[in-house]
Amino acid sequence: MQVAIHVLPGASRARVGGQRGGALVVHVTEPPIAGQATIAALAAVARALGVPKRDVTLIHGHSSRIKIIEIPDSAAIGFAALA
């Protein structure tokens, strides 16, 4: 299942929840340098959904705050609860 996330780098603590423009908001502490925030965002989403990091993959938006990611279909209910 493909979903949109809005990554906010440089936060005081990592957290997942809420919506902005129809995308799930993901706050990460890492800076937006060399993909660090993207990697942290994927890991944070995986942790919030309770799935392995390898099951959350980036589809589109490598250098954008809005990213399209692929999550397992089994995690769709958990994703809806986060938003």
C-alpha atoms as a PDB file:
ATOM      1  CA  MET A   1       0.000   0.000   0.000  1.00  0.00           C
ATOM      2  CA  GLN A   2       1.425   3.389  -0.957  1.00  0.00           C
ATOM      3  CA  VAL A   3       0.939   6.310   1.427  1.00  0.00           C
ATOM      4  CA  ALA A   4       2.212   9.887   1.800  1.00  0.00           C
ATOM      5  CA  ILE A   5       4.285  11.178   4.704  1.00  0.00           C
ATOM      6  CA  HIS A   6       5.399  14.735   5.500  1.00  0.00           C
ATOM      7  CA  VAL A   7       8.875  14.694   7.072  1.00  0.00           C
ATOM      8  CA  LEU A   8       9.847  17.474   9.492  1.00  0.00           C
ATOM      9  CA  PRO A   9      13.603  17.212  10.215  1.00  0.00           C
ATOM     10  CA  GLY A  10      15.439  18.782  13.138  1.00  0.00           C
ATOM     11  CA  ALA A  11      12.733  18.122  15.736  1.00  0.00           C
ATOM     12  CA  SER A  12      13.566  17.933  19.428  1.00  0.00           C
ATOM     13  CA  ARG A  13      12.335  14.319  19.496  1.00  0.00           C
ATOM     14  CA  ALA A  14      11.186  11.751  16.951  1.00  0.00           C
ATOM     15  CA  ARG A  15       7.435  11.166  16.761  1.00  0.00           C
ATOM     16  CA  VAL A  16       4.826  10.029  14.261  1.00  0.00           C
ATOM     17  CA  GLY A  17       1.268  11.313  14.161  1.00  0.00           C
ATOM     18  CA  GLY A  18      -1.094  13.910  12.815  1.00  0.00           C
ATOM     19  CA  GLN A  19      -1.794  15.069   9.304  1.00  0.00           C
ATOM     20  CA  ARG A  20      -0.613  17.888   7.100  1.00  0.00           C
ATOM     21  CA  GLY A  21      -2.036  18.215   3.620  1.00  0.00           C
ATOM     22  CA  GLY A  22      -3.381  14.670   3.691  1.00  0.00           C
ATOM     23  CA  ALA A  23       0.005  13.172   4.604  1.00  0.00           C
ATOM     24  CA  LEU A  24       1.061  11.561   7.887  1.00  0.00           C
ATOM     25  CA  VAL A  25       3.448  13.873   9.781  1.00  0.00           C
ATOM     26  CA  VAL A  26       6.782  12.352  10.830  1.00  0.00           C
ATOM     27  CA  HIS A  27       9.079  14.421  13.079  1.00  0.00           C
ATOM     28  CA  VAL A  28      12.732  13.303  13.147  1.00  0.00           C
ATOM     29  CA  THR A  29      15.750  14.659  15.001  1.00  0.00           C
ATOM     30  CA  GLU A  30      18.165  14.161  12.098  1.00  0.00           C
ATOM     31  CA  PRO A  31      19.016  17.041   9.752  1.00  0.00           C
ATOM     32  CA  PRO A  32      17.988  17.023   6.087  1.00  0.00           C
ATOM     33  CA  ILE A  33      21.554  16.288   4.972  1.00  0.00           C
ATOM     34  CA  ALA A  34      22.585  13.376   2.739  1.00  0.00           C
ATOM     35  CA  GLY A  35      19.298  11.561   3.268  1.00  0.00           C
ATOM     36  CA  GLN A  36      19.662  11.256   7.049  1.00  0.00           C
ATOM     37  CA  ALA A  37      16.151  12.583   7.737  1.00  0.00           C
ATOM     38  CA  THR A  38      14.650  10.259   5.128  1.00  0.00           C
ATOM     39  CA  ILE A  39      16.288   7.179   6.642  1.00  0.00           C
ATOM     40  CA  ALA A  40      15.174   8.238  10.119  1.00  0.00           C
ATOM     41  CA  ALA A  41      11.607   8.879   8.901  1.00  0.00           C
ATOM     42  CA  LEU A  42      11.320   5.423   7.347  1.00  0.00           C
ATOM     43  CA  ALA A  43      12.628   3.857  10.558  1.00  0.00           C
ATOM     44  CA  ALA A  44      10.204   5.914  12.673  1.00  0.00           C
ATOM     45  CA  VAL A  45       7.225   4.854  10.555  1.00  0.00           C
ATOM     46  CA  ALA A  46       8.288   1.203  10.744  1.00  0.00           C
ATOM     47  CA  ARG A  47       8.645   1.444  14.526  1.00  0.00           C
ATOM     48  CA  ALA A  48       5.238   3.156  14.889  1.00  0.00           C
ATOM     49  CA  LEU A  49       3.563   0.477  12.757  1.00  0.00           C
ATOM     50  CA  GLY A  50       5.387  -2.405  14.429  1.00  0.00           C
ATOM     51  CA  VAL A  51       6.844  -3.740  11.177  1.00  0.00           C
ATOM     52  CA  PRO A  52      10.479  -4.408  10.197  1.00  0.00           C
ATOM     53  CA  LYS A  53      12.346  -1.459   8.637  1.00  0.00           C
ATOM     54  CA  ARG A  54      12.833  -3.480   5.452  1.00  0.00           C
ATOM     55  CA  ASP A  55       9.031  -3.497   4.953  1.00  0.00           C
ATOM     56  CA  VAL A  56       8.849   0.314   4.683  1.00  0.00           C
ATOM     57  CA  THR A  57      10.349   1.546   1.413  1.00  0.00           C
ATOM     58  CA  LEU A  58      10.666   4.924  -0.252  1.00  0.00           C
ATOM     59  CA  ILE A  59       8.914   5.164  -3.630  1.00  0.00           C
ATOM     60  CA  HIS A  60       9.102   8.871  -4.454  1.00  0.00           C
ATOM     61  CA  GLY A  61      10.404  12.085  -2.876  1.00  0.00           C
ATOM     62  CA  HIS A  62      14.043  11.365  -2.089  1.00  0.00           C
ATOM     63  CA  SER A  63      14.845  15.073  -1.582  1.00  0.00           C
ATOM     64  CA  SER A  64      11.380  16.375  -0.730  1.00  0.00           C
ATOM     65  CA  ARG A  65       9.603  16.766   2.601  1.00  0.00           C
ATOM     66  CA  ILE A  66       6.573  15.021   1.094  1.00  0.00           C
ATOM     67  CA  LYS A  67       7.411  11.395   0.401  1.00  0.00           C
ATOM     68  CA  ILE A  68       5.482   8.441  -0.984  1.00  0.00           C
ATOM     69  CA  ILE A  69       6.304   5.236   0.843  1.00  0.00           C
ATOM     70  CA  GLU A  70       5.247   1.614   0.527  1.00  0.00           C
ATOM     71  CA  ILE A  71       3.998  -0.166   3.641  1.00  0.00           C
ATOM     72  CA  PRO A  72       2.637  -3.697   4.010  1.00  0.00           C
ATOM     73  CA  ASP A  73      -1.105  -4.037   3.462  1.00  0.00           C
ATOM     74  CA  SER A  74      -1.310  -5.581   6.933  1.00  0.00           C
ATOM     75  CA  ALA A  75      -0.160  -2.244   8.433  1.00  0.00           C
ATOM     76  CA  ALA A  76      -2.928  -0.170   6.816  1.00  0.00           C
ATOM     77  CA  ILE A  77      -5.119  -0.124   9.941  1.00  0.00           C
ATOM     78  CA  GLY A  78      -2.197   0.976  12.099  1.00  0.00           C
ATOM     79  CA  PHE A  79      -1.337   3.692   9.606  1.00  0.00           C
ATOM     80  CA  ALA A  80      -4.900   5.048   9.639  1.00  0.00           C
ATOM     81  CA  ALA A  81      -4.786   5.172  13.452  1.00  0.00           C
ATOM     82  CA  LEU A  82      -1.630   7.310  13.385  1.00  0.00           C
ATOM     83  CA  ALA A  83      -3.131   9.953  11.121  1.00  0.00           C
END
